[in-house]
């Protein structure tokens, strides 16, 4: 990970250092916004779309995996935290890749 100290240790000209520092700050702001986006709630349809599965497979996954994202229910509608859905998809992809390499 790049830090302000590591940029200063490069011994760049003051102009170049200034450019790198401003880029570093912009990247930090974008990363914070991305992390905040992980907390947003997505509908079941959006979660299925992100996982690239149809409704039946979505239901099967929820029954087969204990670590399936927990639903947040409002009335009769289920929502999921996007970060949880994203982490679950990453886990499925990693498992599929590990299984394919055996």
N, C-alpha and C. Protein backbone atom coordinates (compact mmCIF):
# COMPACT_ATOMS: atom_id res chain seq x y z
N UNK A 1 0.84 -1.18 0.00
CA UNK A 1 0.00 0.00 0.00
C UNK A 1 0.88 1.24 0.00
N UNK A 2 0.51 2.20 -0.78
CA UNK A 2 1.28 3.43 -0.89
C UNK A 2 0.85 4.40 0.20
N UNK A 3 1.83 4.97 0.88
CA UNK A 3 1.55 5.95 1.92
C UNK A 3 2.22 7.26 1.53
N UNK A 4 1.85 8.32 2.24
CA UNK A 4 2.47 9.62 1.98
C UNK A 4 3.97 9.55 2.25
N UNK A 5 4.35 8.79 3.27
CA UNK A 5 5.77 8.65 3.62
C UNK A 5 6.54 7.96 2.49
N UNK A 6 5.94 6.95 1.88
CA UNK A 6 6.63 6.25 0.79
C UNK A 6 6.78 7.15 -0.44
N UNK A 7 5.83 8.05 -0.65
CA UNK A 7 5.94 9.00 -1.77
C UNK A 7 7.08 9.97 -1.49
N UNK A 8 7.17 10.45 -0.26
CA UNK A 8 8.24 11.39 0.10
C UNK A 8 9.61 10.74 0.00
N UNK A 9 9.68 9.44 0.31
CA UNK A 9 10.97 8.74 0.30
C UNK A 9 11.50 8.49 -1.11
N UNK A 10 10.69 8.73 -2.14
CA UNK A 10 11.13 8.51 -3.51
C UNK A 10 12.12 9.57 -3.98
N UNK A 11 12.14 10.70 -3.30
CA UNK A 11 13.07 11.77 -3.68
C UNK A 11 12.70 12.44 -4.99
N UNK A 12 11.44 12.63 -5.23
CA UNK A 12 10.97 13.25 -6.47
C UNK A 12 11.10 14.77 -6.38
N UNK A 13 10.98 15.41 -7.52
CA UNK A 13 10.96 16.87 -7.53
C UNK A 13 9.71 17.34 -6.79
N UNK A 14 9.71 18.56 -6.26
CA UNK A 14 8.53 19.04 -5.52
C UNK A 14 7.23 19.00 -6.34
N UNK A 15 7.34 19.28 -7.64
CA UNK A 15 6.15 19.25 -8.49
C UNK A 15 5.60 17.83 -8.63
N UNK A 16 6.49 16.90 -8.90
CA UNK A 16 6.08 15.50 -9.05
C UNK A 16 5.52 14.96 -7.73
N UNK A 17 6.17 15.32 -6.63
CA UNK A 17 5.70 14.88 -5.32
C UNK A 17 4.29 15.43 -5.05
N UNK A 18 4.07 16.66 -5.42
CA UNK A 18 2.76 17.28 -5.24
C UNK A 18 1.69 16.55 -6.04
N UNK A 19 2.02 16.19 -7.27
CA UNK A 19 1.07 15.45 -8.12
C UNK A 19 0.76 14.09 -7.50
N UNK A 20 1.78 13.37 -7.07
CA UNK A 20 1.57 12.07 -6.46
C UNK A 20 0.76 12.16 -5.18
N UNK A 21 1.01 13.19 -4.38
CA UNK A 21 0.27 13.37 -3.13
C UNK A 21 -1.21 13.64 -3.42
N UNK A 22 -1.50 14.47 -4.41
CA UNK A 22 -2.90 14.76 -4.72
C UNK A 22 -3.59 13.51 -5.27
N UNK A 23 -2.89 12.72 -6.08
CA UNK A 23 -3.46 11.47 -6.60
C UNK A 23 -3.72 10.50 -5.45
N UNK A 24 -2.79 10.44 -4.51
CA UNK A 24 -2.95 9.56 -3.36
C UNK A 24 -4.18 9.94 -2.54
N UNK A 25 -4.39 11.24 -2.33
CA UNK A 25 -5.55 11.70 -1.57
C UNK A 25 -6.85 11.39 -2.32
N UNK A 26 -6.86 11.55 -3.63
CA UNK A 26 -8.05 11.23 -4.43
C UNK A 26 -8.38 9.74 -4.34
N UNK A 27 -7.35 8.91 -4.39
CA UNK A 27 -7.56 7.47 -4.30
C UNK A 27 -8.13 7.10 -2.93
N UNK A 28 -7.65 7.73 -1.87
CA UNK A 28 -8.18 7.46 -0.53
C UNK A 28 -9.66 7.83 -0.44
N UNK A 29 -10.03 8.97 -1.02
CA UNK A 29 -11.44 9.40 -1.01
C UNK A 29 -12.30 8.41 -1.79
N UNK A 30 -11.82 7.97 -2.95
CA UNK A 30 -12.58 7.00 -3.76
C UNK A 30 -12.72 5.66 -3.03
N UNK A 31 -11.68 5.22 -2.34
CA UNK A 31 -11.75 3.97 -1.58
C UNK A 31 -12.76 4.07 -0.44
N UNK A 32 -12.83 5.23 0.21
CA UNK A 32 -13.81 5.43 1.27
C UNK A 32 -15.23 5.36 0.71
N UNK A 33 -15.44 5.98 -0.45
CA UNK A 33 -16.77 5.95 -1.07
C UNK A 33 -17.13 4.52 -1.46
N UNK A 34 -16.15 3.77 -1.94
CA UNK A 34 -16.39 2.38 -2.33
C UNK A 34 -16.78 1.55 -1.12
N UNK A 35 -16.09 1.76 0.00
CA UNK A 35 -16.42 1.03 1.22
C UNK A 35 -17.82 1.37 1.71
N UNK A 36 -18.21 2.64 1.61
CA UNK A 36 -19.55 3.04 2.01
C UNK A 36 -20.59 2.36 1.12
N UNK A 37 -20.27 2.17 -0.15
CA UNK A 37 -21.19 1.51 -1.07
C UNK A 37 -21.45 0.07 -0.71
N UNK A 38 -20.50 -0.58 -0.02
CA UNK A 38 -20.68 -1.96 0.39
C UNK A 38 -21.78 -2.12 1.43
N UNK A 39 -22.12 -1.05 2.13
CA UNK A 39 -23.15 -1.11 3.16
C UNK A 39 -24.55 -0.88 2.60
N UNK A 40 -24.64 -0.47 1.35
CA UNK A 40 -25.96 -0.20 0.79
C UNK A 40 -26.73 -1.49 0.62
N UNK A 41 -28.04 -1.37 0.69
CA UNK A 41 -28.90 -2.53 0.53
C UNK A 41 -29.32 -2.69 -0.93
N UNK A 42 -29.30 -3.93 -1.40
CA UNK A 42 -29.74 -4.23 -2.77
C UNK A 42 -30.91 -5.19 -2.70
N UNK A 43 -31.78 -5.10 -3.67
CA UNK A 43 -32.94 -5.99 -3.72
C UNK A 43 -32.50 -7.41 -4.08
N UNK A 44 -33.43 -8.33 -3.93
CA UNK A 44 -33.15 -9.72 -4.29
C UNK A 44 -32.79 -9.82 -5.76
N UNK A 45 -33.51 -9.07 -6.60
CA UNK A 45 -33.23 -9.10 -8.05
C UNK A 45 -31.81 -8.60 -8.33
N UNK A 46 -31.40 -7.53 -7.65
CA UNK A 46 -30.04 -7.01 -7.85
C UNK A 46 -29.00 -8.00 -7.35
N UNK A 47 -29.27 -8.65 -6.22
CA UNK A 47 -28.34 -9.64 -5.69
C UNK A 47 -28.21 -10.83 -6.65
N UNK A 48 -29.35 -11.27 -7.20
CA UNK A 48 -29.31 -12.38 -8.18
C UNK A 48 -28.52 -11.97 -9.41
N UNK A 49 -28.72 -10.75 -9.85
CA UNK A 49 -28.00 -10.26 -11.02
C UNK A 49 -26.50 -10.22 -10.76
N UNK A 50 -26.10 -9.74 -9.58
CA UNK A 50 -24.67 -9.67 -9.26
C UNK A 50 -24.06 -11.06 -9.14
N UNK A 51 -24.83 -11.99 -8.58
CA UNK A 51 -24.34 -13.37 -8.45
C UNK A 51 -24.45 -14.14 -9.77
N UNK A 52 -25.17 -13.55 -10.74
CA UNK A 52 -25.38 -14.15 -12.06
C UNK A 52 -26.08 -15.50 -11.97
N UNK A 53 -27.18 -15.51 -11.18
CA UNK A 53 -27.98 -16.72 -11.04
C UNK A 53 -29.45 -16.36 -11.16
N UNK A 54 -30.26 -17.36 -11.49
CA UNK A 54 -31.72 -17.18 -11.55
C UNK A 54 -32.30 -17.44 -10.16
N UNK A 55 -33.60 -17.23 -10.03
CA UNK A 55 -34.25 -17.32 -8.71
C UNK A 55 -34.09 -18.71 -8.08
N UNK A 56 -34.26 -19.78 -8.83
CA UNK A 56 -34.15 -21.12 -8.26
C UNK A 56 -32.74 -21.38 -7.72
N UNK A 57 -31.73 -21.01 -8.48
CA UNK A 57 -30.35 -21.20 -8.04
C UNK A 57 -30.06 -20.33 -6.82
N UNK A 58 -30.61 -19.11 -6.80
CA UNK A 58 -30.44 -18.20 -5.66
C UNK A 58 -31.00 -18.85 -4.40
N UNK A 59 -32.19 -19.44 -4.51
CA UNK A 59 -32.80 -20.12 -3.36
C UNK A 59 -31.98 -21.34 -2.94
N UNK A 60 -31.49 -22.10 -3.92
CA UNK A 60 -30.64 -23.25 -3.60
C UNK A 60 -29.38 -22.84 -2.87
N UNK A 61 -28.74 -21.77 -3.36
CA UNK A 61 -27.52 -21.29 -2.71
C UNK A 61 -27.80 -20.87 -1.27
N UNK A 62 -28.94 -20.23 -1.04
CA UNK A 62 -29.27 -19.78 0.31
C UNK A 62 -29.49 -20.95 1.26
N UNK A 63 -29.97 -22.08 0.72
CA UNK A 63 -30.19 -23.27 1.56
C UNK A 63 -28.92 -24.08 1.75
N UNK A 64 -28.04 -24.10 0.74
CA UNK A 64 -26.85 -24.94 0.76
C UNK A 64 -25.69 -24.34 1.54
N UNK A 65 -25.64 -23.02 1.63
CA UNK A 65 -24.48 -22.35 2.23
C UNK A 65 -24.87 -21.62 3.51
N UNK A 66 -24.21 -21.99 4.59
CA UNK A 66 -24.48 -21.33 5.87
C UNK A 66 -24.03 -19.88 5.87
N UNK A 67 -23.03 -19.57 5.04
CA UNK A 67 -22.50 -18.21 5.01
C UNK A 67 -23.16 -17.34 3.93
N UNK A 68 -24.31 -17.80 3.42
CA UNK A 68 -25.06 -17.00 2.45
C UNK A 68 -25.46 -15.68 3.12
N UNK A 69 -25.42 -14.57 2.38
CA UNK A 69 -25.76 -13.27 2.99
C UNK A 69 -27.14 -13.29 3.64
N UNK A 70 -27.21 -12.73 4.83
CA UNK A 70 -28.47 -12.68 5.56
C UNK A 70 -29.36 -11.59 4.98
N UNK A 71 -30.63 -11.90 4.86
CA UNK A 71 -31.59 -10.94 4.30
C UNK A 71 -32.01 -9.93 5.37
N UNK A 72 -32.19 -8.70 4.93
CA UNK A 72 -32.76 -7.65 5.76
C UNK A 72 -34.18 -7.47 5.23
N UNK A 73 -35.16 -7.71 6.07
CA UNK A 73 -36.55 -7.71 5.62
C UNK A 73 -37.25 -6.42 6.01
N UNK A 74 -37.88 -5.81 5.02
CA UNK A 74 -38.76 -4.67 5.21
C UNK A 74 -40.12 -5.08 4.66
N UNK A 75 -41.09 -5.28 5.55
CA UNK A 75 -42.39 -5.77 5.10
C UNK A 75 -42.22 -7.17 4.56
N UNK A 76 -42.61 -7.36 3.31
CA UNK A 76 -42.46 -8.67 2.67
C UNK A 76 -41.28 -8.70 1.70
N UNK A 77 -40.49 -7.66 1.68
CA UNK A 77 -39.40 -7.55 0.73
C UNK A 77 -38.06 -7.82 1.41
N UNK A 78 -37.22 -8.59 0.76
CA UNK A 78 -35.89 -8.91 1.28
C UNK A 78 -34.83 -8.08 0.56
N UNK A 79 -33.91 -7.56 1.34
CA UNK A 79 -32.76 -6.82 0.82
C UNK A 79 -31.50 -7.46 1.38
N UNK A 80 -30.40 -7.23 0.70
CA UNK A 80 -29.12 -7.79 1.12
C UNK A 80 -28.08 -6.69 1.11
N UNK A 81 -27.14 -6.76 2.05
CA UNK A 81 -26.03 -5.80 2.06
C UNK A 81 -25.11 -6.15 0.90
N UNK A 82 -24.82 -5.15 0.08
CA UNK A 82 -24.03 -5.38 -1.13
C UNK A 82 -22.66 -5.98 -0.81
N UNK A 83 -22.04 -5.52 0.26
CA UNK A 83 -20.72 -6.05 0.65
C UNK A 83 -20.77 -7.53 0.96
N UNK A 84 -21.87 -7.98 1.60
CA UNK A 84 -22.02 -9.40 1.91
C UNK A 84 -22.21 -10.22 0.63
N UNK A 85 -23.00 -9.69 -0.30
CA UNK A 85 -23.23 -10.38 -1.57
C UNK A 85 -21.92 -10.47 -2.36
N UNK A 86 -21.17 -9.37 -2.35
CA UNK A 86 -19.90 -9.33 -3.07
C UNK A 86 -18.91 -10.33 -2.47
N UNK A 87 -18.84 -10.41 -1.15
CA UNK A 87 -17.93 -11.35 -0.48
C UNK A 87 -18.34 -12.80 -0.77
N UNK A 88 -19.65 -13.05 -0.78
CA UNK A 88 -20.13 -14.40 -1.07
C UNK A 88 -19.79 -14.81 -2.49
N UNK A 89 -19.95 -13.89 -3.44
CA UNK A 89 -19.61 -14.20 -4.83
C UNK A 89 -18.12 -14.49 -4.97
N UNK A 90 -17.29 -13.70 -4.30
CA UNK A 90 -15.85 -13.92 -4.36
C UNK A 90 -15.51 -15.31 -3.82
N UNK A 91 -16.17 -15.72 -2.72
CA UNK A 91 -15.93 -17.03 -2.15
C UNK A 91 -16.34 -18.14 -3.13
N UNK A 92 -17.49 -17.98 -3.79
CA UNK A 92 -17.94 -18.97 -4.76
C UNK A 92 -16.96 -19.09 -5.93
N UNK A 93 -16.50 -17.95 -6.41
CA UNK A 93 -15.55 -17.95 -7.53
C UNK A 93 -14.24 -18.61 -7.12
N UNK A 94 -13.75 -18.28 -5.92
CA UNK A 94 -12.50 -18.88 -5.43
C UNK A 94 -12.64 -20.39 -5.27
N UNK A 95 -13.80 -20.84 -4.76
CA UNK A 95 -14.02 -22.28 -4.61
C UNK A 95 -14.08 -22.97 -5.97
N UNK A 96 -14.72 -22.34 -6.94
CA UNK A 96 -14.82 -22.91 -8.27
C UNK A 96 -13.44 -23.02 -8.92
N UNK A 97 -12.63 -21.98 -8.75
CA UNK A 97 -11.27 -22.02 -9.32
C UNK A 97 -10.41 -23.09 -8.65
N UNK A 98 -10.52 -23.21 -7.33
CA UNK A 98 -9.75 -24.22 -6.61
C UNK A 98 -10.19 -25.62 -7.00
N UNK A 99 -11.49 -25.81 -7.21
CA UNK A 99 -12.01 -27.11 -7.63
C UNK A 99 -11.62 -27.47 -9.04
N UNK A 100 -11.50 -26.47 -9.89
CA UNK A 100 -11.14 -26.70 -11.29
C UNK A 100 -9.67 -27.01 -11.47
N UNK A 101 -8.84 -26.62 -10.51
CA UNK A 101 -7.39 -26.85 -10.61
C UNK A 101 -6.95 -28.18 -10.04
N UNK A 102 -7.87 -28.92 -9.44
CA UNK A 102 -7.49 -30.20 -8.81
C UNK A 102 -7.20 -31.24 -9.84
